[in-house]
Each structure stands twice: as C-alpha cells, then as structure tokens.
Amino acid sequence: MTHVLVLNGPNLGRLGVREPEIYGAASFADLVAAAERWGRELGLEAEVRQTDDESEIVGWLHEAVDARAHVVLNPAAFTHYSYALRDAAAQVTTSGLLLVEVHLSNPAARESFRHHSVVSGVATGTVAGFGFDSYRLALSAVAARLQA
C-alpha cells in the first residue's frame, strides 16, 4: 500500500470542542478513524498526525520527502503566514510527490486574513469547505493521480 501522511496543524486536536459551528461536532479521533478507513478503501495507508508545533510539522514534511510518502496537509493557522511550512511543502512537491492542501471550512468565505495561503502555490491541489469530506476528497485525488 502507498503510504500517505495526513498532517494537521494547530488547534485541530480540539475538533469537536473548538467552534463546532465552523469545524463540526466530530472529534479529532473521529477524523483519524475516518481518514484511515478512507485510505484503506482507496488502497492507501493513511497515517494521521496532529501538532500545534510548527517545527514538528516542518520535520514531518522533511520525513515525507525522505520516506517518499505523499501528503495530505491541513496547515490550519500556519496556512496564512508560515513560510517555513511553505518551503518544506515545496520540497515535497518538487521531489515529485503529491501534496494536497485541505481545509475543513472554506477560508475564502471567512475573515479576510484567512483568504491567502502561502502553501497553495506549492501544493499539487487544494480541497476546502467540505468538512471531514475535504480529507476524503484529498485522499481520493491522491489515489486517482497514482493510478493515472
């Protein structure tokens, strides 16, 4: 099975508690279970991780390059300002791996500071606004690209 790292940035460990009107009532554990199941259904081994630490997520992106693992990335708040994360994400795609940026909500429909992503320009593609289904759609895109 193809290994895919499903990486999540700050505050996503608080799913179900933090602003459920925006992010939904399901927990991070629910997301992990769903992503792992969707991965299996698509012939992918989805390994889901979450951190509030910018350096840790940068290190995971380096690990993806070294291990030749594709990435589904929800950078969360790092989306809008972390050039370190952007540069690490660029290493994924320039090494020939897929990196799909995901968001539970649609950042373009929210506060103006959320409208810009420093990651989008180096991502293979972006899926946003579909709640947990954003992850399912991202994993489906990875699987489709690998079969093409």
C-alpha atoms as a PDB file:
ATOM      1  CA  MET A   1       0.000   0.000   0.000  1.00  0.00           C
ATOM      2  CA  THR A   2       1.126   3.538  -0.736  1.00  0.00           C
ATOM      3  CA  HIS A   3       1.905   5.489   2.426  1.00  0.00           C
ATOM      4  CA  VAL A   4       0.246   8.908   2.802  1.00  0.00           C
ATOM      5  CA  LEU A   5       0.931  11.226   5.704  1.00  0.00           C
ATOM      6  CA  VAL A   6      -2.200  13.154   6.735  1.00  0.00           C
ATOM      7  CA  LEU A   7      -0.742  16.080   8.641  1.00  0.00           C
ATOM      8  CA  ASN A   8      -2.720  18.539  10.731  1.00  0.00           C
ATOM      9  CA  GLY A   9      -1.618  21.827  12.234  1.00  0.00           C
ATOM     10  CA  PRO A  10      -2.558  23.848  15.295  1.00  0.00           C
ATOM     11  CA  ASN A  11      -5.845  23.532  17.135  1.00  0.00           C
ATOM     12  CA  LEU A  12      -7.101  20.621  15.018  1.00  0.00           C
ATOM     13  CA  GLY A  13      -6.617  18.353  18.016  1.00  0.00           C
ATOM     14  CA  ARG A  14      -9.520  20.347  19.507  1.00  0.00           C
ATOM     15  CA  LEU A  15     -12.031  19.296  16.838  1.00  0.00           C
ATOM     16  CA  GLY A  16     -15.490  18.801  18.316  1.00  0.00           C
ATOM     17  CA  VAL A  17     -14.746  21.336  21.055  1.00  0.00           C
ATOM     18  CA  ARG A  18     -13.405  24.353  19.159  1.00  0.00           C
ATOM     19  CA  GLU A  19     -16.058  26.330  17.257  1.00  0.00           C
ATOM     20  CA  PRO A  20     -18.260  23.354  16.297  1.00  0.00           C
ATOM     21  CA  GLU A  21     -20.456  25.712  14.256  1.00  0.00           C
ATOM     22  CA  ILE A  22     -17.472  26.106  11.892  1.00  0.00           C
ATOM     23  CA  TYR A  23     -15.498  22.882  12.282  1.00  0.00           C
ATOM     24  CA  GLY A  24     -18.259  20.418  13.206  1.00  0.00           C
ATOM     25  CA  ALA A  25     -19.043  18.317  16.256  1.00  0.00           C
ATOM     26  CA  ALA A  26     -16.863  15.307  15.390  1.00  0.00           C
ATOM     27  CA  SER A  27     -13.591  14.872  17.275  1.00  0.00           C
ATOM     28  CA  PHE A  28     -10.029  14.530  16.026  1.00  0.00           C
ATOM     29  CA  ALA A  29     -10.230  10.819  16.926  1.00  0.00           C
ATOM     30  CA  ASP A  30     -13.249  10.608  14.599  1.00  0.00           C
ATOM     31  CA  LEU A  31     -11.189  12.232  11.836  1.00  0.00           C
ATOM     32  CA  VAL A  32      -8.336   9.776  12.372  1.00  0.00           C
ATOM     33  CA  ALA A  33     -10.692   6.791  12.135  1.00  0.00           C
ATOM     34  CA  ALA A  34     -12.414   8.178   9.026  1.00  0.00           C
ATOM     35  CA  ALA A  35      -9.174   9.055   7.214  1.00  0.00           C
ATOM     36  CA  GLU A  36      -7.648   5.660   7.953  1.00  0.00           C
ATOM     37  CA  ARG A  37     -10.819   3.940   6.678  1.00  0.00           C
ATOM     38  CA  TRP A  38     -10.990   6.076   3.522  1.00  0.00           C
ATOM     39  CA  GLY A  39      -7.322   5.383   2.890  1.00  0.00           C
ATOM     40  CA  ARG A  40      -7.809   1.614   3.139  1.00  0.00           C
ATOM     41  CA  GLU A  41     -10.806   1.812   0.791  1.00  0.00           C
ATOM     42  CA  LEU A  42      -8.597   3.616  -1.743  1.00  0.00           C
ATOM     43  CA  GLY A  43      -5.615   1.282  -1.345  1.00  0.00           C
ATOM     44  CA  LEU A  44      -3.652   3.843   0.680  1.00  0.00           C
ATOM     45  CA  GLU A  45      -2.105   3.609   4.117  1.00  0.00           C
ATOM     46  CA  ALA A  46      -3.163   6.909   5.704  1.00  0.00           C
ATOM     47  CA  GLU A  47      -1.152   7.848   8.776  1.00  0.00           C
ATOM     48  CA  VAL A  48      -2.814  10.760  10.572  1.00  0.00           C
ATOM     49  CA  ARG A  49      -0.849  13.141  12.792  1.00  0.00           C
ATOM     50  CA  GLN A  50      -1.569  16.466  14.516  1.00  0.00           C
ATOM     51  CA  THR A  51       0.658  19.035  16.177  1.00  0.00           C
ATOM     52  CA  ASP A  52       0.461  22.582  17.454  1.00  0.00           C
ATOM     53  CA  ASP A  53       4.225  22.921  16.896  1.00  0.00           C
ATOM     54  CA  GLU A  54       5.415  24.490  13.640  1.00  0.00           C
ATOM     55  CA  SER A  55       8.848  22.864  13.767  1.00  0.00           C
ATOM     56  CA  GLU A  56       7.319  19.424  14.223  1.00  0.00           C
ATOM     57  CA  ILE A  57       5.101  19.703  11.143  1.00  0.00           C
ATOM     58  CA  VAL A  58       8.077  21.006   9.123  1.00  0.00           C
ATOM     59  CA  GLY A  59      10.030  17.953  10.274  1.00  0.00           C
ATOM     60  CA  TRP A  60       7.177  15.675   9.193  1.00  0.00           C
ATOM     61  CA  LEU A  61       7.253  17.210   5.717  1.00  0.00           C
ATOM     62  CA  HIS A  62      11.003  16.531   5.552  1.00  0.00           C
ATOM     63  CA  GLU A  63      10.252  12.966   6.659  1.00  0.00           C
ATOM     64  CA  ALA A  64       7.705  12.637   3.831  1.00  0.00           C
ATOM     65  CA  VAL A  65      10.351  13.588   1.270  1.00  0.00           C
ATOM     66  CA  ASP A  66      12.908  11.178   2.723  1.00  0.00           C
ATOM     67  CA  ALA A  67      10.383   8.306   3.004  1.00  0.00           C
ATOM     68  CA  ARG A  68       8.796   9.069  -0.417  1.00  0.00           C
ATOM     69  CA  ALA A  69       5.349   9.497   1.192  1.00  0.00           C
ATOM     70  CA  HIS A  70       2.613  11.609  -0.353  1.00  0.00           C
ATOM     71  CA  VAL A  71       0.972  14.209   1.901  1.00  0.00           C
ATOM     72  CA  VAL A  72      -2.490  15.495   2.731  1.00  0.00           C
ATOM     73  CA  LEU A  73      -1.881  18.671   4.727  1.00  0.00           C
ATOM     74  CA  ASN A  74      -4.218  20.818   6.782  1.00  0.00           C
ATOM     75  CA  PRO A  75      -1.832  23.587   7.822  1.00  0.00           C
ATOM     76  CA  ALA A  76      -4.570  25.310   9.871  1.00  0.00           C
ATOM     77  CA  ALA A  77      -3.377  28.729  11.078  1.00  0.00           C
ATOM     78  CA  PHE A  78       0.074  28.114   9.562  1.00  0.00           C
ATOM     79  CA  THR A  79      -1.660  28.383   6.158  1.00  0.00           C
ATOM     80  CA  HIS A  80      -1.561  32.143   6.221  1.00  0.00           C
ATOM     81  CA  TYR A  81       1.934  33.018   7.379  1.00  0.00           C
ATOM     82  CA  SER A  82       4.344  30.114   7.827  1.00  0.00           C
ATOM     83  CA  TYR A  83       6.983  30.448   5.160  1.00  0.00           C
ATOM     84  CA  ALA A  84       8.932  27.664   6.879  1.00  0.00           C
ATOM     85  CA  LEU A  85       5.962  25.359   6.316  1.00  0.00           C
ATOM     86  CA  ARG A  86       5.594  26.619   2.729  1.00  0.00           C
ATOM     87  CA  ASP A  87       9.255  25.889   1.986  1.00  0.00           C
ATOM     88  CA  ALA A  88       9.008  22.395   3.499  1.00  0.00           C
ATOM     89  CA  ALA A  89       5.824  21.724   1.483  1.00  0.00           C
ATOM     90  CA  ALA A  90       7.645  22.847  -1.667  1.00  0.00           C
ATOM     91  CA  GLN A  91      10.278  20.197  -1.005  1.00  0.00           C
ATOM     92  CA  VAL A  92       7.517  17.570  -1.114  1.00  0.00           C
ATOM     93  CA  THR A  93       6.147  18.616  -4.491  1.00  0.00           C
ATOM     94  CA  THR A  94       9.494  19.412  -6.108  1.00  0.00           C
ATOM     95  CA  SER A  95      10.639  15.901  -5.201  1.00  0.00           C
ATOM     96  CA  GLY A  96       7.811  14.512  -7.354  1.00  0.00           C
ATOM     97  CA  LEU A  97       5.439  13.674  -4.513  1.00  0.00           C
ATOM     98  CA  LEU A  98       1.825  14.790  -4.189  1.00  0.00           C
ATOM     99  CA  LEU A  99       0.771  17.300  -1.555  1.00  0.00           C
ATOM    100  CA  VAL A 100      -2.910  18.170  -1.238  1.00  0.00           C
ATOM    101  CA  GLU A 101      -3.776  21.112   0.996  1.00  0.00           C
ATOM    102  CA  VAL A 102      -7.065  20.634   2.865  1.00  0.00           C
ATOM    103  CA  HIS A 103      -9.314  22.804   4.990  1.00  0.00           C
ATOM    104  CA  LEU A 104     -12.482  21.860   6.840  1.00  0.00           C
ATOM    105  CA  SER A 105     -14.037  25.264   6.231  1.00  0.00           C
ATOM    106  CA  ASN A 106     -13.704  27.472   3.166  1.00  0.00           C
ATOM    107  CA  PRO A 107     -11.051  30.072   4.067  1.00  0.00           C
ATOM    108  CA  ALA A 108     -12.146  32.322   1.177  1.00  0.00           C
ATOM    109  CA  ALA A 109     -15.601  32.634   2.765  1.00  0.00           C
ATOM    110  CA  ARG A 110     -14.231  33.640   6.175  1.00  0.00           C
ATOM    111  CA  GLU A 111     -12.289  36.555   7.658  1.00  0.00           C
ATOM    112  CA  SER A 112     -10.078  38.396   5.173  1.00  0.00           C
ATOM    113  CA  PHE A 113      -6.835  37.347   6.903  1.00  0.00           C
ATOM    114  CA  ARG A 114      -7.717  33.730   6.027  1.00  0.00           C
ATOM    115  CA  HIS A 115      -8.051  34.414   2.300  1.00  0.00           C
ATOM    116  CA  HIS A 116      -4.364  33.965   1.487  1.00  0.00           C
ATOM    117  CA  SER A 117      -2.500  30.666   1.694  1.00  0.00           C
ATOM    118  CA  VAL A 118       1.288  30.581   1.479  1.00  0.00           C
ATOM    119  CA  VAL A 119       1.006  26.805   0.914  1.00  0.00           C
ATOM    120  CA  SER A 120      -1.402  26.770  -2.068  1.00  0.00           C
ATOM    121  CA  GLY A 121       1.210  27.929  -4.538  1.00  0.00           C
ATOM    122  CA  VAL A 122       3.393  24.885  -3.915  1.00  0.00           C
ATOM    123  CA  ALA A 123       0.618  22.306  -3.366  1.00  0.00           C
ATOM    124  CA  THR A 124      -0.494  19.846  -6.018  1.00  0.00           C
ATOM    125  CA  GLY A 125      -4.059  20.969  -5.281  1.00  0.00           C
ATOM    126  CA  THR A 126      -6.395  22.277  -2.595  1.00  0.00           C
ATOM    127  CA  VAL A 127      -9.706  20.984  -1.216  1.00  0.00           C
ATOM    128  CA  ALA A 128     -11.654  23.240   1.147  1.00  0.00           C
ATOM    129  CA  GLY A 129     -15.065  23.748   2.644  1.00  0.00           C
ATOM    130  CA  PHE A 130     -16.394  20.195   2.833  1.00  0.00           C
ATOM    131  CA  GLY A 131     -15.722  19.396   6.486  1.00  0.00           C
ATOM    132  CA  PHE A 132     -14.285  15.924   7.006  1.00  0.00           C
ATOM    133  CA  ASP A 133     -15.127  15.172   3.373  1.00  0.00           C
ATOM    134  CA  SER A 134     -12.278  17.518   2.411  1.00  0.00           C
ATOM    135  CA  TYR A 135      -9.922  14.775   3.624  1.00  0.00           C
ATOM    136  CA  ARG A 136     -11.827  12.048   1.755  1.00  0.00           C
ATOM    137  CA  LEU A 137     -11.696  14.109  -1.433  1.00  0.00           C
ATOM    138  CA  ALA A 138      -7.978  14.791  -0.954  1.00  0.00           C
ATOM    139  CA  LEU A 139      -7.198  11.094  -0.430  1.00  0.00           C
ATOM    140  CA  SER A 140      -9.313  10.269  -3.493  1.00  0.00           C
ATOM    141  CA  ALA A 141      -7.301  12.779  -5.526  1.00  0.00           C
ATOM    142  CA  VAL A 142      -4.034  11.204  -4.388  1.00  0.00           C
ATOM    143  CA  ALA A 143      -5.295   7.715  -5.277  1.00  0.00           C
ATOM    144  CA  ALA A 144      -6.536   8.889  -8.695  1.00  0.00           C
ATOM    145  CA  ARG A 145      -3.225  10.581  -9.529  1.00  0.00           C
ATOM    146  CA  LEU A 146      -1.306   7.452  -8.561  1.00  0.00           C
ATOM    147  CA  GLN A 147      -3.487   5.312 -10.849  1.00  0.00           C
ATOM    148  CA  ALA A 148      -3.172   7.681 -13.818  1.00  0.00           C
END
